[in-house]
Amino acid sequence: MALLGHVSAAMTMRYAQLFDATVRTEYERALDLAKSQIGSLPTGRPGLPIAGITGGGWKDAPLIKARLAGGYCLRAPAQGACPYANICEHCPSFRAGAADLPVLAAQRVDAKALAADAEKRGWITEADRHRKLLTRLDALIAQAQTR
């Protein structure tokens, strides 16, 4: 529903054409779960609550999130984990030097907090993604310290 930009489940159901009762029941259960994790929508404007989150509050948002070198990424739980988040840090061509240590250290602190947040919310795949980033950041920090 969120990915398609629909305001109501009824509109999504028109397009989904779910005839199988089991699939429909599971869809409705997943939709209710997604709505409970996203929270209530802001009044007076359509869309997800992403637009109202700025500054330091982004880490506490009930959203899938990633810290990036130049900012952060917020995604609704219904969207799932981003396949591109932190892609550069995992690229074998990515290099960091001593001047990058403060940024890498800050990113590591946030990644650790985001892993704990995702774990607490039951988003195991997202927590694993952050833990993999922690491992990669540790290696990048070690390499930068020897350069």
N, C-alpha and C. Protein backbone atom coordinates (compact mmCIF):
# COMPACT_ATOMS: atom_id res chain seq x y z
N MET A 1 0.82 -1.18 0.00
CA MET A 1 0.00 0.00 0.00
C MET A 1 0.88 1.26 0.00
N ALA A 2 1.87 1.28 0.92
CA ALA A 2 2.75 2.44 1.01
C ALA A 2 3.58 2.61 -0.26
N LEU A 3 4.08 1.50 -0.80
CA LEU A 3 4.91 1.58 -2.00
C LEU A 3 4.13 2.10 -3.20
N LEU A 4 2.84 1.76 -3.26
CA LEU A 4 2.02 2.20 -4.37
C LEU A 4 1.43 3.58 -4.15
N GLY A 5 1.58 4.13 -2.94
CA GLY A 5 1.07 5.45 -2.65
C GLY A 5 -0.42 5.49 -2.40
N HIS A 6 -1.00 4.34 -2.05
CA HIS A 6 -2.43 4.29 -1.80
C HIS A 6 -2.75 4.72 -0.38
N VAL A 7 -3.88 5.39 -0.21
CA VAL A 7 -4.32 5.85 1.10
C VAL A 7 -5.15 4.78 1.79
N SER A 8 -5.79 3.93 1.01
CA SER A 8 -6.64 2.90 1.61
C SER A 8 -6.24 1.51 1.13
N ALA A 9 -6.50 0.55 1.99
CA ALA A 9 -6.24 -0.84 1.61
C ALA A 9 -7.17 -1.28 0.48
N ALA A 10 -8.35 -0.69 0.44
CA ALA A 10 -9.31 -1.05 -0.60
C ALA A 10 -8.74 -0.77 -2.00
N MET A 11 -8.06 0.37 -2.15
CA MET A 11 -7.47 0.70 -3.45
C MET A 11 -6.38 -0.31 -3.81
N THR A 12 -5.56 -0.66 -2.85
CA THR A 12 -4.51 -1.63 -3.09
C THR A 12 -5.11 -2.99 -3.46
N MET A 13 -6.18 -3.36 -2.77
CA MET A 13 -6.82 -4.64 -3.04
C MET A 13 -7.38 -4.71 -4.47
N ARG A 14 -7.81 -3.58 -5.00
CA ARG A 14 -8.29 -3.58 -6.39
C ARG A 14 -7.19 -4.01 -7.34
N TYR A 15 -5.99 -3.52 -7.09
CA TYR A 15 -4.87 -3.84 -7.97
C TYR A 15 -4.29 -5.21 -7.67
N ALA A 16 -4.30 -5.60 -6.43
CA ALA A 16 -3.68 -6.87 -6.05
C ALA A 16 -4.50 -8.07 -6.50
N GLN A 17 -5.81 -7.92 -6.54
CA GLN A 17 -6.71 -9.00 -6.94
C GLN A 17 -6.39 -10.29 -6.21
N LEU A 18 -6.44 -10.20 -4.89
CA LEU A 18 -6.15 -11.36 -4.06
C LEU A 18 -7.43 -12.18 -3.87
N PHE A 19 -7.52 -13.31 -4.54
CA PHE A 19 -8.71 -14.13 -4.45
C PHE A 19 -8.53 -15.26 -3.44
N ASP A 20 -7.34 -15.72 -3.27
CA ASP A 20 -7.09 -16.82 -2.34
C ASP A 20 -7.27 -16.33 -0.91
N ALA A 21 -8.14 -16.97 -0.15
CA ALA A 21 -8.46 -16.53 1.21
C ALA A 21 -7.23 -16.54 2.11
N THR A 22 -6.36 -17.51 1.96
CA THR A 22 -5.16 -17.58 2.79
C THR A 22 -4.23 -16.41 2.50
N VAL A 23 -4.02 -16.13 1.23
CA VAL A 23 -3.15 -15.02 0.84
C VAL A 23 -3.76 -13.70 1.31
N ARG A 24 -5.06 -13.57 1.16
CA ARG A 24 -5.73 -12.34 1.58
C ARG A 24 -5.61 -12.15 3.09
N THR A 25 -5.81 -13.19 3.86
CA THR A 25 -5.68 -13.11 5.32
C THR A 25 -4.27 -12.73 5.72
N GLU A 26 -3.28 -13.33 5.07
CA GLU A 26 -1.87 -13.02 5.37
C GLU A 26 -1.54 -11.59 4.97
N TYR A 27 -2.07 -11.16 3.83
CA TYR A 27 -1.86 -9.77 3.38
C TYR A 27 -2.42 -8.79 4.40
N GLU A 28 -3.63 -9.03 4.86
CA GLU A 28 -4.26 -8.13 5.83
C GLU A 28 -3.49 -8.13 7.15
N ARG A 29 -2.99 -9.29 7.58
CA ARG A 29 -2.19 -9.37 8.80
C ARG A 29 -0.91 -8.56 8.64
N ALA A 30 -0.23 -8.72 7.51
CA ALA A 30 1.01 -7.97 7.26
C ALA A 30 0.73 -6.47 7.16
N LEU A 31 -0.37 -6.10 6.55
CA LEU A 31 -0.74 -4.69 6.44
C LEU A 31 -0.98 -4.09 7.82
N ASP A 32 -1.71 -4.81 8.68
CA ASP A 32 -1.95 -4.32 10.05
C ASP A 32 -0.64 -4.19 10.81
N LEU A 33 0.25 -5.15 10.64
CA LEU A 33 1.55 -5.09 11.31
C LEU A 33 2.36 -3.89 10.82
N ALA A 34 2.37 -3.68 9.51
CA ALA A 34 3.11 -2.53 8.95
C ALA A 34 2.54 -1.22 9.47
N LYS A 35 1.22 -1.11 9.51
CA LYS A 35 0.60 0.11 10.01
C LYS A 35 0.96 0.35 11.47
N SER A 36 1.00 -0.72 12.27
CA SER A 36 1.32 -0.55 13.69
C SER A 36 2.76 -0.11 13.88
N GLN A 37 3.65 -0.52 13.00
CA GLN A 37 5.06 -0.14 13.12
C GLN A 37 5.32 1.26 12.57
N ILE A 38 4.58 1.66 11.56
CA ILE A 38 4.75 2.99 10.99
C ILE A 38 4.18 4.03 11.93
N GLY A 39 3.09 3.71 12.58
CA GLY A 39 2.42 4.68 13.45
C GLY A 39 1.37 5.44 12.68
N SER A 40 0.72 6.36 13.34
CA SER A 40 -0.35 7.11 12.69
C SER A 40 0.23 8.10 11.69
N LEU A 41 -0.51 8.32 10.64
CA LEU A 41 -0.09 9.27 9.62
C LEU A 41 -0.36 10.69 10.11
N PRO A 42 0.46 11.65 9.69
CA PRO A 42 0.22 13.03 10.11
C PRO A 42 -1.13 13.51 9.58
N THR A 43 -1.80 14.35 10.34
CA THR A 43 -3.08 14.88 9.89
C THR A 43 -2.84 16.05 8.95
N GLY A 44 -3.73 16.20 7.99
CA GLY A 44 -3.66 17.33 7.09
C GLY A 44 -2.74 17.17 5.91
N ARG A 45 -2.05 16.04 5.82
CA ARG A 45 -1.18 15.84 4.65
C ARG A 45 -1.05 14.34 4.39
N PRO A 46 -1.03 13.95 3.14
CA PRO A 46 -0.90 12.53 2.81
C PRO A 46 0.54 12.07 2.95
N GLY A 47 0.73 10.79 2.94
CA GLY A 47 2.07 10.23 2.93
C GLY A 47 2.48 9.63 4.25
N LEU A 48 3.68 9.14 4.28
CA LEU A 48 4.24 8.51 5.46
C LEU A 48 4.85 9.56 6.38
N PRO A 49 5.08 9.22 7.64
CA PRO A 49 5.61 10.20 8.58
C PRO A 49 7.07 10.57 8.36
N ILE A 50 7.66 10.11 7.29
CA ILE A 50 9.07 10.38 7.03
C ILE A 50 9.32 11.89 6.91
N ALA A 51 8.42 12.61 6.28
CA ALA A 51 8.63 14.02 6.01
C ALA A 51 8.79 14.85 7.28
N GLY A 52 8.19 14.42 8.39
CA GLY A 52 8.24 15.20 9.61
C GLY A 52 9.45 14.92 10.48
N ILE A 53 10.34 14.04 10.08
CA ILE A 53 11.48 13.66 10.90
C ILE A 53 12.72 14.40 10.40
N THR A 54 13.28 15.23 11.26
CA THR A 54 14.48 15.97 10.90
C THR A 54 15.43 15.98 12.07
N GLY A 55 16.65 16.35 11.80
CA GLY A 55 17.64 16.52 12.86
C GLY A 55 17.94 15.24 13.60
N GLY A 56 18.18 15.37 14.91
CA GLY A 56 18.60 14.24 15.73
C GLY A 56 17.56 13.18 15.93
N GLY A 57 16.28 13.48 15.66
CA GLY A 57 15.22 12.52 15.90
C GLY A 57 15.17 11.35 14.93
N TRP A 58 15.93 11.41 13.86
CA TRP A 58 15.86 10.36 12.85
C TRP A 58 16.26 9.00 13.40
N LYS A 59 17.18 8.95 14.35
CA LYS A 59 17.63 7.65 14.89
C LYS A 59 16.56 6.97 15.73
N ASP A 60 15.62 7.73 16.26
CA ASP A 60 14.56 7.17 17.10
C ASP A 60 13.28 6.89 16.33
N ALA A 61 13.26 7.23 15.05
CA ALA A 61 12.06 7.06 14.24
C ALA A 61 11.71 5.57 14.10
N PRO A 62 10.41 5.26 14.04
CA PRO A 62 10.00 3.86 13.86
C PRO A 62 10.10 3.42 12.40
N LEU A 63 11.27 3.68 11.83
CA LEU A 63 11.51 3.40 10.41
C LEU A 63 12.80 2.63 10.26
N ILE A 64 12.98 2.01 9.11
CA ILE A 64 14.25 1.39 8.76
C ILE A 64 15.18 2.54 8.40
N LYS A 65 16.35 2.54 8.98
CA LYS A 65 17.22 3.69 8.77
C LYS A 65 18.67 3.27 8.60
N ALA A 66 19.42 4.12 7.93
CA ALA A 66 20.84 3.89 7.72
C ALA A 66 21.57 5.22 7.81
N ARG A 67 22.73 5.20 8.44
CA ARG A 67 23.57 6.39 8.47
C ARG A 67 24.50 6.32 7.29
N LEU A 68 24.57 7.38 6.54
CA LEU A 68 25.46 7.46 5.39
C LEU A 68 26.45 8.58 5.65
N ALA A 69 27.53 8.60 4.92
CA ALA A 69 28.57 9.60 5.16
C ALA A 69 28.03 11.02 5.06
N GLY A 70 27.11 11.26 4.14
CA GLY A 70 26.60 12.61 3.95
C GLY A 70 25.23 12.86 4.54
N GLY A 71 24.71 11.95 5.34
CA GLY A 71 23.38 12.14 5.91
C GLY A 71 22.81 10.82 6.38
N TYR A 72 21.51 10.63 6.14
CA TYR A 72 20.87 9.40 6.56
C TYR A 72 19.75 9.04 5.61
N CYS A 73 19.30 7.80 5.68
CA CYS A 73 18.24 7.29 4.84
C CYS A 73 17.14 6.76 5.75
N LEU A 74 15.89 7.09 5.43
CA LEU A 74 14.74 6.59 6.18
C LEU A 74 13.80 5.88 5.22
N ARG A 75 13.36 4.67 5.61
CA ARG A 75 12.44 3.90 4.79
C ARG A 75 11.33 3.35 5.67
N ALA A 76 10.13 3.32 5.13
CA ALA A 76 9.01 2.72 5.85
C ALA A 76 9.27 1.21 5.97
N PRO A 77 8.88 0.61 7.08
CA PRO A 77 9.08 -0.84 7.24
C PRO A 77 8.48 -1.65 6.09
N ALA A 78 7.37 -1.19 5.53
CA ALA A 78 6.75 -1.91 4.42
C ALA A 78 7.65 -1.94 3.19
N GLN A 79 8.58 -0.99 3.09
CA GLN A 79 9.51 -0.95 1.96
C GLN A 79 10.63 -1.97 2.12
N GLY A 80 10.89 -2.40 3.33
CA GLY A 80 11.99 -3.34 3.57
C GLY A 80 13.33 -2.64 3.50
N ALA A 81 14.37 -3.42 3.73
CA ALA A 81 15.72 -2.89 3.74
C ALA A 81 16.12 -2.43 2.34
N CYS A 82 16.90 -1.37 2.29
CA CYS A 82 17.39 -0.85 1.02
C CYS A 82 18.56 -1.71 0.53
N PRO A 83 18.51 -2.15 -0.70
CA PRO A 83 19.62 -2.96 -1.21
C PRO A 83 20.88 -2.13 -1.47
N TYR A 84 20.77 -0.79 -1.44
CA TYR A 84 21.90 0.06 -1.74
C TYR A 84 22.54 0.69 -0.51
N ALA A 85 21.91 0.62 0.65
CA ALA A 85 22.43 1.29 1.84
C ALA A 85 23.85 0.81 2.14
N ASN A 86 24.75 1.73 2.33
CA ASN A 86 26.14 1.45 2.68
C ASN A 86 26.87 0.62 1.63
N ILE A 87 26.45 0.73 0.39
CA ILE A 87 27.06 -0.08 -0.66
C ILE A 87 28.53 0.28 -0.86
N CYS A 88 28.87 1.56 -0.77
CA CYS A 88 30.26 1.96 -1.01
C CYS A 88 31.20 1.39 0.06
N GLU A 89 30.77 1.42 1.31
CA GLU A 89 31.63 0.91 2.37
C GLU A 89 31.97 -0.57 2.17
N HIS A 90 31.10 -1.31 1.48
CA HIS A 90 31.33 -2.74 1.25
C HIS A 90 32.07 -3.01 -0.06
N CYS A 91 32.22 -1.99 -0.88
CA CYS A 91 32.89 -2.14 -2.17
C CYS A 91 34.39 -2.36 -1.95
N PRO A 92 34.98 -3.32 -2.66
CA PRO A 92 36.42 -3.56 -2.50
C PRO A 92 37.28 -2.37 -2.94
N SER A 93 36.72 -1.46 -3.72
CA SER A 93 37.47 -0.29 -4.16
C SER A 93 37.43 0.85 -3.17
N PHE A 94 36.58 0.76 -2.15
CA PHE A 94 36.44 1.84 -1.17
C PHE A 94 37.71 1.93 -0.33
N ARG A 95 38.23 3.14 -0.16
CA ARG A 95 39.42 3.37 0.64
C ARG A 95 39.15 4.49 1.63
N ALA A 96 39.79 4.41 2.77
CA ALA A 96 39.69 5.47 3.77
C ALA A 96 41.08 5.69 4.35
N GLY A 97 41.35 6.95 4.70
CA GLY A 97 42.64 7.29 5.29
C GLY A 97 42.45 7.86 6.68
N ALA A 98 43.54 8.30 7.27
CA ALA A 98 43.51 8.83 8.63
C ALA A 98 42.56 10.01 8.76
N ALA A 99 42.44 10.83 7.74
CA ALA A 99 41.54 11.98 7.78
C ALA A 99 40.07 11.56 7.86
N ASP A 100 39.78 10.32 7.45
CA ASP A 100 38.41 9.83 7.45
C ASP A 100 38.01 9.15 8.76
N LEU A 101 38.95 8.99 9.67
CA LEU A 101 38.67 8.28 10.92
C LEU A 101 37.52 8.88 11.73
N PRO A 102 37.42 10.21 11.88
CA PRO A 102 36.28 10.74 12.64
C PRO A 102 34.92 10.38 12.03
N VAL A 103 34.82 10.41 10.70
CA VAL A 103 33.57 10.07 10.03
C VAL A 103 33.26 8.60 10.20
N LEU A 104 34.27 7.75 10.02
CA LEU A 104 34.07 6.31 10.18
C LEU A 104 33.69 5.97 11.62
N ALA A 105 34.33 6.64 12.59
CA ALA A 105 34.02 6.38 13.99
C ALA A 105 32.59 6.79 14.32
N ALA A 106 32.15 7.93 13.80
CA ALA A 106 30.77 8.38 14.04
C ALA A 106 29.78 7.44 13.37
N GLN A 107 30.12 6.99 12.17
CA GLN A 107 29.26 6.06 11.46
C GLN A 107 29.16 4.74 12.23
N ARG A 108 30.26 4.31 12.84
CA ARG A 108 30.27 3.08 13.62
C ARG A 108 29.37 3.19 14.85
N VAL A 109 29.44 4.32 15.53
CA VAL A 109 28.57 4.54 16.70
C VAL A 109 27.10 4.44 16.30
N ASP A 110 26.76 5.11 15.20
CA ASP A 110 25.37 5.08 14.74
C ASP A 110 24.96 3.68 14.28
N ALA A 111 25.83 2.99 13.56
CA ALA A 111 25.50 1.65 13.07
C ALA A 111 25.23 0.70 14.23
N LYS A 112 26.00 0.83 15.29
CA LYS A 112 25.80 -0.03 16.47
C LYS A 112 24.44 0.27 17.11
N ALA A 113 24.10 1.56 17.24
CA ALA A 113 22.80 1.94 17.81
C ALA A 113 21.65 1.50 16.90
N LEU A 114 21.84 1.61 15.59
CA LEU A 114 20.79 1.22 14.65
C LEU A 114 20.59 -0.30 14.65
N ALA A 115 21.67 -1.06 14.83
CA ALA A 115 21.55 -2.52 14.92
C ALA A 115 20.72 -2.89 16.15
N ALA A 116 21.01 -2.25 17.27
CA ALA A 116 20.26 -2.52 18.50
C ALA A 116 18.79 -2.13 18.34
N ASP A 117 18.53 -1.00 17.69
CA ASP A 117 17.15 -0.55 17.47
C ASP A 117 16.40 -1.54 16.58
N ALA A 118 17.02 -1.97 15.50
CA ALA A 118 16.38 -2.92 14.59
C ALA A 118 16.11 -4.25 15.30
N GLU A 119 17.05 -4.70 16.10
CA GLU A 119 16.88 -5.95 16.86
C GLU A 119 15.68 -5.82 17.80
N LYS A 120 15.60 -4.70 18.50
CA LYS A 120 14.51 -4.46 19.44
C LYS A 120 13.16 -4.46 18.74
N ARG A 121 13.11 -3.97 17.52
CA ARG A 121 11.86 -3.92 16.76
C ARG A 121 11.55 -5.24 16.06
N GLY A 122 12.47 -6.21 16.14
CA GLY A 122 12.24 -7.50 15.50
C GLY A 122 12.60 -7.54 14.03
N TRP A 123 13.34 -6.54 13.56
CA TRP A 123 13.76 -6.48 12.16
C TRP A 123 15.13 -7.17 12.05
N ILE A 124 15.13 -8.48 12.07
CA ILE A 124 16.36 -9.26 12.15
C ILE A 124 17.26 -9.03 10.94
N THR A 125 16.70 -9.02 9.74
CA THR A 125 17.51 -8.81 8.53
C THR A 125 18.17 -7.44 8.57
N GLU A 126 17.43 -6.44 9.03
CA GLU A 126 17.98 -5.09 9.12
C GLU A 126 19.08 -5.03 10.18
N ALA A 127 18.88 -5.69 11.31
CA ALA A 127 19.90 -5.73 12.36
C ALA A 127 21.16 -6.42 11.83
N ASP A 128 20.99 -7.50 11.09
CA ASP A 128 22.15 -8.20 10.50
C ASP A 128 22.90 -7.29 9.53
N ARG A 129 22.17 -6.51 8.75
CA ARG A 129 22.81 -5.59 7.80
C ARG A 129 23.69 -4.58 8.55
N HIS A 130 23.19 -4.06 9.64
CA HIS A 130 23.98 -3.10 10.42
C HIS A 130 25.19 -3.78 11.07
N ARG A 131 25.02 -5.03 11.52
CA ARG A 131 26.16 -5.75 12.12
C ARG A 131 27.25 -6.04 11.09
N LYS A 132 26.83 -6.35 9.86
CA LYS A 132 27.82 -6.55 8.79
C LYS A 132 28.57 -5.25 8.51
N LEU A 133 27.83 -4.13 8.56
CA LEU A 133 28.48 -2.84 8.36
C LEU A 133 29.47 -2.57 9.49
N LEU A 134 29.12 -2.93 10.72
CA LEU A 134 30.04 -2.75 11.85
C LEU A 134 31.35 -3.51 11.60
N THR A 135 31.23 -4.73 11.15
CA THR A 135 32.43 -5.53 10.85
C THR A 135 33.27 -4.86 9.78
N ARG A 136 32.61 -4.37 8.73
CA ARG A 136 33.34 -3.71 7.64
C ARG A 136 33.96 -2.40 8.12
N LEU A 137 33.23 -1.63 8.93
CA LEU A 137 33.78 -0.38 9.45
C LEU A 137 34.99 -0.64 10.34
N ASP A 138 34.95 -1.70 11.13
CA ASP A 138 36.11 -2.05 11.96
C ASP A 138 37.34 -2.31 11.08
N ALA A 139 37.13 -3.01 9.97
CA ALA A 139 38.25 -3.28 9.06
C ALA A 139 38.73 -1.99 8.41
N LEU A 140 37.82 -1.13 8.00
CA LEU A 140 38.21 0.14 7.37
C LEU A 140 38.95 1.05 8.36
N ILE A 141 38.48 1.07 9.62
CA ILE A 141 39.14 1.87 10.63
C ILE A 141 40.56 1.35 10.89
N ALA A 142 40.69 0.04 10.97
CA ALA A 142 42.02 -0.56 11.19
C ALA A 142 42.95 -0.21 10.03
N GLN A 143 42.43 -0.31 8.80
CA GLN A 143 43.25 0.03 7.62
C GLN A 143 43.64 1.50 7.63
N ALA A 144 42.70 2.37 7.98
CA ALA A 144 42.98 3.81 7.98
C ALA A 144 44.00 4.17 9.04
N GLN A 145 44.00 3.47 10.14
CA GLN A 145 44.93 3.75 11.21
C GLN A 145 46.37 3.36 10.84
N THR A 146 46.53 2.42 9.92
CA THR A 146 47.87 1.99 9.51
C THR A 146 48.40 2.78 8.34
N ARG A 147 47.59 3.64 7.75
CA ARG A 147 48.05 4.42 6.58
C ARG A 147 48.71 5.69 7.00
